Amino acid sequence: MPEIVGQLNGEKLNIAIVVAKFNDIVTNKLLNGAREKLLQLNVAEQNITVVKVPGAMEIPRIVKLLSESERFDGIIALGAVVKGETAHFDYVCAESATGVSQTSLNGFVPVMYGILTTENMAQALNRAGGKAGNKGSECAVDVVEMANLEIELKK
């Protein structure tokens, strides 16, 4: 029985990272984790494009535009939404997740969702290089694997 798996070698891949500037104490760590892991996986520095947007709500539109551009083999979406005292948190989480998910399903390339949704800043920092690892780094591994898998499936 044939088994098809995506390789963890990004040598020929072009990857875009869309990162929110809001909560940059967290998102910069996510970005650094993603960038470092992509380089470790042989994605060339010149093949990593970083697009900074104001916040998590702006991520889905840019992810969609990048997917439609056909310039990239995969996209990573990074952000940090930390719960406050209003319902705004729920709205931002739901809308950003839905928007990125729609592009992931209907777009042209795999999209990895690395938008943290946490109760407090400590939880966010723990997921951006602390005790719980780095979600940016995890997304980098996943996007390389998925991009290669899709390339393999299209042969």
C-alpha atoms as a PDB file:
ATOM      1  CA  MET A   1       0.000   0.000   0.000  1.00  0.00           C
ATOM      2  CA  PRO A   2       1.507   3.374  -0.993  1.00  0.00           C
ATOM      3  CA  GLU A   3       2.112   5.903   1.753  1.00  0.00           C
ATOM      4  CA  ILE A   4       2.496   9.571   0.943  1.00  0.00           C
ATOM      5  CA  VAL A   5       4.116  11.857   3.488  1.00  0.00           C
ATOM      6  CA  GLY A   6       5.294  15.436   3.317  1.00  0.00           C
ATOM      7  CA  GLN A   7       9.038  15.796   3.740  1.00  0.00           C
ATOM      8  CA  LEU A   8      10.564  18.185   6.267  1.00  0.00           C
ATOM      9  CA  ASN A   9      12.909  19.811   3.776  1.00  0.00           C
ATOM     10  CA  GLY A  10      12.012  23.344   2.725  1.00  0.00           C
ATOM     11  CA  GLU A  11      14.884  23.748   0.282  1.00  0.00           C
ATOM     12  CA  LYS A  12      12.716  24.751  -2.688  1.00  0.00           C
ATOM     13  CA  LEU A  13       9.819  26.329  -0.819  1.00  0.00           C
ATOM     14  CA  ASN A  14       8.638  29.941  -0.633  1.00  0.00           C
ATOM     15  CA  ILE A  15       6.874  30.628   2.648  1.00  0.00           C
ATOM     16  CA  ALA A  16       4.936  33.705   3.776  1.00  0.00           C
ATOM     17  CA  ILE A  17       4.439  34.610   7.417  1.00  0.00           C
ATOM     18  CA  VAL A  18       1.613  36.997   8.301  1.00  0.00           C
ATOM     19  CA  VAL A  19       2.143  38.353  11.801  1.00  0.00           C
ATOM     20  CA  ALA A  20       0.078  40.746  13.906  1.00  0.00           C
ATOM     21  CA  LYS A  21       1.881  43.716  15.444  1.00  0.00           C
ATOM     22  CA  PHE A  22      -0.596  43.889  18.335  1.00  0.00           C
ATOM     23  CA  ASN A  23       0.836  42.175  21.438  1.00  0.00           C
ATOM     24  CA  ASP A  24       4.254  42.279  19.782  1.00  0.00           C
ATOM     25  CA  ILE A  25       5.988  41.124  22.961  1.00  0.00           C
ATOM     26  CA  VAL A  26       4.413  37.765  22.068  1.00  0.00           C
ATOM     27  CA  THR A  27       4.163  37.924  18.286  1.00  0.00           C
ATOM     28  CA  ASN A  28       7.838  38.812  17.834  1.00  0.00           C
ATOM     29  CA  LYS A  29       8.727  35.625  19.718  1.00  0.00           C
ATOM     30  CA  LEU A  30       6.346  33.622  17.522  1.00  0.00           C
ATOM     31  CA  LEU A  31       7.881  35.178  14.421  1.00  0.00           C
ATOM     32  CA  ASN A  32      11.428  34.448  15.574  1.00  0.00           C
ATOM     33  CA  GLY A  33      10.484  30.855  16.357  1.00  0.00           C
ATOM     34  CA  ALA A  34       8.924  30.382  12.927  1.00  0.00           C
ATOM     35  CA  ARG A  35      11.796  32.028  11.073  1.00  0.00           C
ATOM     36  CA  GLU A  36      14.486  30.059  12.949  1.00  0.00           C
ATOM     37  CA  LYS A  37      12.699  26.750  12.369  1.00  0.00           C
ATOM     38  CA  LEU A  38      12.176  27.480   8.657  1.00  0.00           C
ATOM     39  CA  LEU A  39      15.897  28.167   8.309  1.00  0.00           C
ATOM     40  CA  GLN A  40      16.676  24.899  10.141  1.00  0.00           C
ATOM     41  CA  LEU A  41      14.419  23.127   7.646  1.00  0.00           C
ATOM     42  CA  ASN A  42      16.457  24.554   4.739  1.00  0.00           C
ATOM     43  CA  VAL A  43      14.066  27.286   3.646  1.00  0.00           C
ATOM     44  CA  ALA A  44      16.353  30.000   2.264  1.00  0.00           C
ATOM     45  CA  GLU A  45      16.198  33.386   4.016  1.00  0.00           C
ATOM     46  CA  GLN A  46      15.269  35.069   0.719  1.00  0.00           C
ATOM     47  CA  ASN A  47      12.332  32.641   0.386  1.00  0.00           C
ATOM     48  CA  ILE A  48      10.743  33.754   3.663  1.00  0.00           C
ATOM     49  CA  THR A  49       8.442  36.758   3.291  1.00  0.00           C
ATOM     50  CA  VAL A  50       7.127  38.448   6.435  1.00  0.00           C
ATOM     51  CA  VAL A  51       4.013  40.622   6.242  1.00  0.00           C
ATOM     52  CA  LYS A  52       3.096  42.598   9.358  1.00  0.00           C
ATOM     53  CA  VAL A  53      -0.517  43.601   9.956  1.00  0.00           C
ATOM     54  CA  PRO A  54      -2.065  45.674  12.764  1.00  0.00           C
ATOM     55  CA  GLY A  55      -3.840  42.848  14.591  1.00  0.00           C
ATOM     56  CA  ALA A  56      -5.455  39.416  14.406  1.00  0.00           C
ATOM     57  CA  MET A  57      -8.550  40.719  12.591  1.00  0.00           C
ATOM     58  CA  GLU A  58      -6.433  41.828   9.632  1.00  0.00           C
ATOM     59  CA  ILE A  59      -4.656  38.488   9.228  1.00  0.00           C
ATOM     60  CA  PRO A  60      -7.348  36.605   7.224  1.00  0.00           C
ATOM     61  CA  ARG A  61      -7.532  39.149   4.395  1.00  0.00           C
ATOM     62  CA  ILE A  62      -3.777  39.207   3.884  1.00  0.00           C
ATOM     63  CA  VAL A  63      -3.579  35.409   4.101  1.00  0.00           C
ATOM     64  CA  LYS A  64      -6.214  35.245   1.345  1.00  0.00           C
ATOM     65  CA  LEU A  65      -4.355  37.719  -0.877  1.00  0.00           C
ATOM     66  CA  LEU A  66      -1.069  35.874  -0.422  1.00  0.00           C
ATOM     67  CA  SER A  67      -2.717  32.541  -1.190  1.00  0.00           C
ATOM     68  CA  GLU A  68      -4.209  33.945  -4.391  1.00  0.00           C
ATOM     69  CA  SER A  69      -0.872  35.436  -5.480  1.00  0.00           C
ATOM     70  CA  GLU A  70       0.526  31.980  -6.307  1.00  0.00           C
ATOM     71  CA  ARG A  71       3.955  33.186  -5.104  1.00  0.00           C
ATOM     72  CA  PHE A  72       4.045  30.974  -2.024  1.00  0.00           C
ATOM     73  CA  ASP A  73       3.995  27.271  -1.233  1.00  0.00           C
ATOM     74  CA  GLY A  74       2.611  27.831   2.252  1.00  0.00           C
ATOM     75  CA  ILE A  75       1.544  30.521   4.696  1.00  0.00           C
ATOM     76  CA  ILE A  76       1.860  30.861   8.465  1.00  0.00           C
ATOM     77  CA  ALA A  77      -0.572  33.118  10.357  1.00  0.00           C
ATOM     78  CA  LEU A  78       0.748  34.375  13.712  1.00  0.00           C
ATOM     79  CA  GLY A  79      -0.926  36.519  16.336  1.00  0.00           C
ATOM     80  CA  ALA A  80      -1.828  36.768  19.998  1.00  0.00           C
ATOM     81  CA  VAL A  81      -5.287  37.546  21.322  1.00  0.00           C
ATOM     82  CA  VAL A  82      -5.325  37.880  25.099  1.00  0.00           C
ATOM     83  CA  LYS A  83      -8.661  37.917  26.913  1.00  0.00           C
ATOM     84  CA  GLY A  84      -9.784  41.212  28.384  1.00  0.00           C
ATOM     85  CA  GLU A  85     -12.921  42.136  30.274  1.00  0.00           C
ATOM     86  CA  THR A  86     -15.233  42.471  27.255  1.00  0.00           C
ATOM     87  CA  ALA A  87     -16.713  40.173  24.617  1.00  0.00           C
ATOM     88  CA  HIS A  88     -14.284  41.621  22.067  1.00  0.00           C
ATOM     89  CA  PHE A  89     -11.931  38.686  22.735  1.00  0.00           C
ATOM     90  CA  ASP A  90     -14.541  36.135  21.636  1.00  0.00           C
ATOM     91  CA  TYR A  91     -15.343  38.105  18.498  1.00  0.00           C
ATOM     92  CA  VAL A  92     -11.695  38.513  17.447  1.00  0.00           C
ATOM     93  CA  CYS A  93     -10.901  34.853  18.131  1.00  0.00           C
ATOM     94  CA  ALA A  94     -13.893  33.582  16.179  1.00  0.00           C
ATOM     95  CA  GLU A  95     -13.511  35.894  13.202  1.00  0.00           C
ATOM     96  CA  SER A  96      -9.758  35.432  12.784  1.00  0.00           C
ATOM     97  CA  ALA A  97     -10.070  31.652  13.084  1.00  0.00           C
ATOM     98  CA  THR A  98     -12.955  31.497  10.611  1.00  0.00           C
ATOM     99  CA  GLY A  99     -11.212  33.735   8.090  1.00  0.00           C
ATOM    100  CA  VAL A 100      -7.934  31.834   8.157  1.00  0.00           C
ATOM    101  CA  SER A 101      -9.759  28.498   8.082  1.00  0.00           C
ATOM    102  CA  GLN A 102     -11.753  29.497   4.989  1.00  0.00           C
ATOM    103  CA  THR A 103      -8.578  30.366   3.103  1.00  0.00           C
ATOM    104  CA  SER A 104      -6.914  27.186   4.285  1.00  0.00           C
ATOM    105  CA  LEU A 105      -9.773  25.130   2.869  1.00  0.00           C
ATOM    106  CA  ASN A 106     -10.545  27.163  -0.261  1.00  0.00           C
ATOM    107  CA  GLY A 107      -7.196  28.754  -1.056  1.00  0.00           C
ATOM    108  CA  PHE A 108      -4.296  27.589  -3.160  1.00  0.00           C
ATOM    109  CA  VAL A 109      -1.732  26.680  -0.489  1.00  0.00           C
ATOM    110  CA  PRO A 110      -1.675  25.272   3.040  1.00  0.00           C
ATOM    111  CA  VAL A 111      -2.152  27.788   5.833  1.00  0.00           C
ATOM    112  CA  MET A 112      -1.010  27.126   9.390  1.00  0.00           C
ATOM    113  CA  TYR A 113      -2.941  28.788  12.210  1.00  0.00           C
ATOM    114  CA  GLY A 114      -0.618  30.168  14.870  1.00  0.00           C
ATOM    115  CA  ILE A 115      -2.866  32.782  16.433  1.00  0.00           C
ATOM    116  CA  LEU A 116      -2.720  32.283  20.186  1.00  0.00           C
ATOM    117  CA  THR A 117      -5.960  32.777  22.098  1.00  0.00           C
ATOM    118  CA  THR A 118      -5.192  32.887  25.799  1.00  0.00           C
ATOM    119  CA  GLU A 119      -6.722  33.929  29.098  1.00  0.00           C
ATOM    120  CA  ASN A 120      -3.711  36.057  30.057  1.00  0.00           C
ATOM    121  CA  MET A 121      -0.323  37.303  28.919  1.00  0.00           C
ATOM    122  CA  ALA A 122       1.566  34.635  30.897  1.00  0.00           C
ATOM    123  CA  GLN A 123      -0.195  31.887  28.927  1.00  0.00           C
ATOM    124  CA  ALA A 124       0.631  33.647  25.662  1.00  0.00           C
ATOM    125  CA  LEU A 125       4.305  33.988  26.560  1.00  0.00           C
ATOM    126  CA  ASN A 126       4.439  30.325  27.600  1.00  0.00           C
ATOM    127  CA  ARG A 127       3.254  29.386  24.092  1.00  0.00           C
ATOM    128  CA  ALA A 128       5.702  31.766  22.426  1.00  0.00           C
ATOM    129  CA  GLY A 129       8.923  30.165  23.563  1.00  0.00           C
ATOM    130  CA  GLY A 130       8.191  29.406  27.202  1.00  0.00           C
ATOM    131  CA  LYS A 131       7.258  26.170  28.963  1.00  0.00           C
ATOM    132  CA  ALA A 132       4.672  25.226  26.342  1.00  0.00           C
ATOM    133  CA  GLY A 133       7.069  25.573  23.384  1.00  0.00           C
ATOM    134  CA  ASN A 134       6.751  27.996  20.495  1.00  0.00           C
ATOM    135  CA  LYS A 135       3.644  27.863  18.319  1.00  0.00           C
ATOM    136  CA  GLY A 136       5.492  29.761  15.584  1.00  0.00           C
ATOM    137  CA  SER A 137       8.121  27.039  15.425  1.00  0.00           C
ATOM    138  CA  GLU A 138       5.440  24.331  15.371  1.00  0.00           C
ATOM    139  CA  CYS A 139       3.652  26.078  12.502  1.00  0.00           C
ATOM    140  CA  ALA A 140       6.911  26.255  10.549  1.00  0.00           C
ATOM    141  CA  VAL A 141       7.357  22.481  10.761  1.00  0.00           C
ATOM    142  CA  ASP A 142       3.735  21.927   9.769  1.00  0.00           C
ATOM    143  CA  VAL A 143       3.786  24.315   6.812  1.00  0.00           C
ATOM    144  CA  VAL A 144       6.908  22.697   5.332  1.00  0.00           C
ATOM    145  CA  GLU A 145       5.410  19.235   5.734  1.00  0.00           C
ATOM    146  CA  MET A 146       2.045  20.250   4.270  1.00  0.00           C
ATOM    147  CA  ALA A 147       3.548  22.227   1.373  1.00  0.00           C
ATOM    148  CA  ASN A 148       5.675  19.239   0.388  1.00  0.00           C
ATOM    149  CA  LEU A 149       2.726  16.885   0.803  1.00  0.00           C
ATOM    150  CA  GLU A 150       0.564  18.998  -1.501  1.00  0.00           C
ATOM    151  CA  ILE A 151       3.363  19.232  -4.069  1.00  0.00           C
ATOM    152  CA  GLU A 152       3.693  15.440  -3.942  1.00  0.00           C
ATOM    153  CA  LEU A 153      -0.062  14.906  -4.302  1.00  0.00           C
ATOM    154  CA  LYS A 154      -0.229  17.179  -7.357  1.00  0.00           C
ATOM    155  CA  LYS A 155       2.324  15.080  -9.278  1.00  0.00           C
END
